[in-house]
Protein backbone atom coordinates (compact mmCIF):
# COMPACT_ATOMS: atom_id res chain seq x y z
CA MET A 1 48.82 92.52 176.80
CA ASN A 2 46.96 89.56 175.32
CA ARG A 3 48.94 87.24 173.10
CA THR A 4 47.40 85.38 170.20
CA PRO A 5 47.22 81.64 171.02
CA LEU A 6 49.10 79.24 168.75
CA GLY A 7 46.87 78.20 165.85
CA TYR A 8 44.76 81.39 165.84
CA SER A 9 44.92 84.69 163.98
CA VAL A 10 43.22 87.98 164.88
CA VAL A 11 40.75 89.24 162.27
CA GLY A 12 38.15 91.97 162.07
CA ALA A 13 34.67 90.52 161.89
CA HIS A 14 31.11 91.57 161.28
CA ALA A 15 28.47 89.90 163.44
CA LYS A 16 27.10 88.15 160.34
CA SER A 17 30.50 86.57 159.52
CA VAL A 18 31.43 85.26 162.98
CA ARG A 19 31.46 81.46 163.37
CA VAL A 20 31.19 78.85 166.09
CA GLY A 21 34.74 78.18 167.33
CA ASP A 22 35.93 81.79 166.98
CA LEU A 23 37.26 83.46 170.13
CA VAL A 24 35.77 86.78 171.25
CA GLN A 25 37.07 89.06 173.99
CA GLN A 26 34.99 89.76 177.08
CA GLY A 27 36.88 91.87 179.61
CA ASP A 28 40.47 90.62 179.84
CA HIS A 29 39.69 87.09 178.63
CA TRP A 30 38.98 85.40 175.30
CA HIS A 31 36.04 82.98 175.13
CA ARG A 32 35.16 80.43 172.46
CA ILE A 33 31.78 80.83 170.75
CA ARG A 34 29.80 77.67 171.49
CA ASP A 35 26.49 78.59 169.81
CA LEU A 36 25.09 81.47 167.73
CA ARG A 37 21.59 82.86 167.20
CA GLN A 38 20.45 85.52 164.72
CA VAL A 39 18.75 88.37 166.62
CA ASP A 40 17.87 90.61 163.67
CA ARG A 41 19.27 91.40 160.22
CA ASP A 42 22.64 92.67 161.48
CA ARG A 43 23.02 91.31 165.02
CA ARG A 44 23.77 87.96 166.59
CA ALA A 45 23.80 86.59 170.10
CA ALA A 46 26.32 84.01 171.27
CA VAL A 47 26.74 81.45 174.02
CA LEU A 48 30.35 81.73 175.21
CA ASP A 49 32.39 79.03 176.97
CA GLY A 50 33.01 79.92 180.59
CA LEU A 51 30.32 82.63 180.82
CA PRO A 52 26.68 82.24 181.85
CA GLY A 53 23.83 83.41 179.66
CA VAL A 54 23.60 84.67 176.11
CA TRP A 55 25.72 87.63 174.95
CA LEU A 56 24.69 90.12 172.28
CA LEU A 57 27.62 90.64 169.90
CA PRO A 58 28.47 94.11 168.59
CA VAL A 59 28.04 94.68 164.85
CA THR A 60 31.82 94.89 164.20
CA PHE A 61 34.63 93.67 166.44
CA ALA A 62 37.85 91.63 166.47
CA VAL A 63 37.88 87.86 166.84
CA MET A 64 40.57 85.21 167.01
CA ARG A 65 39.86 82.64 164.33
CA PRO A 66 41.46 79.18 164.09
CA VAL A 67 44.04 79.05 161.29
CA ARG A 68 43.46 76.26 158.80
CA PRO A 69 46.59 74.16 158.14
C-alpha cells in the first residue's frame, strides 16, 4: 500500500489541470512532474523525475499535489 507523503494530498486530476511539481504514479512508484507539454486539446505529455523519456498522461487520473500551508 502506498502512503501519502507528508505535505501532499491525493486528488483526482484531468490532464489539463495537472501541474509541474505534482506526483503521478508509474508502476509502484510516485514520480514528480518536471516538465509538461500539450499534445492536443485534451492530452499532455510529462517528463518525470527518475524515468527516461516523455510520458503521455491519461485524460483523468489521480495525482499527489503539494498542500499549501
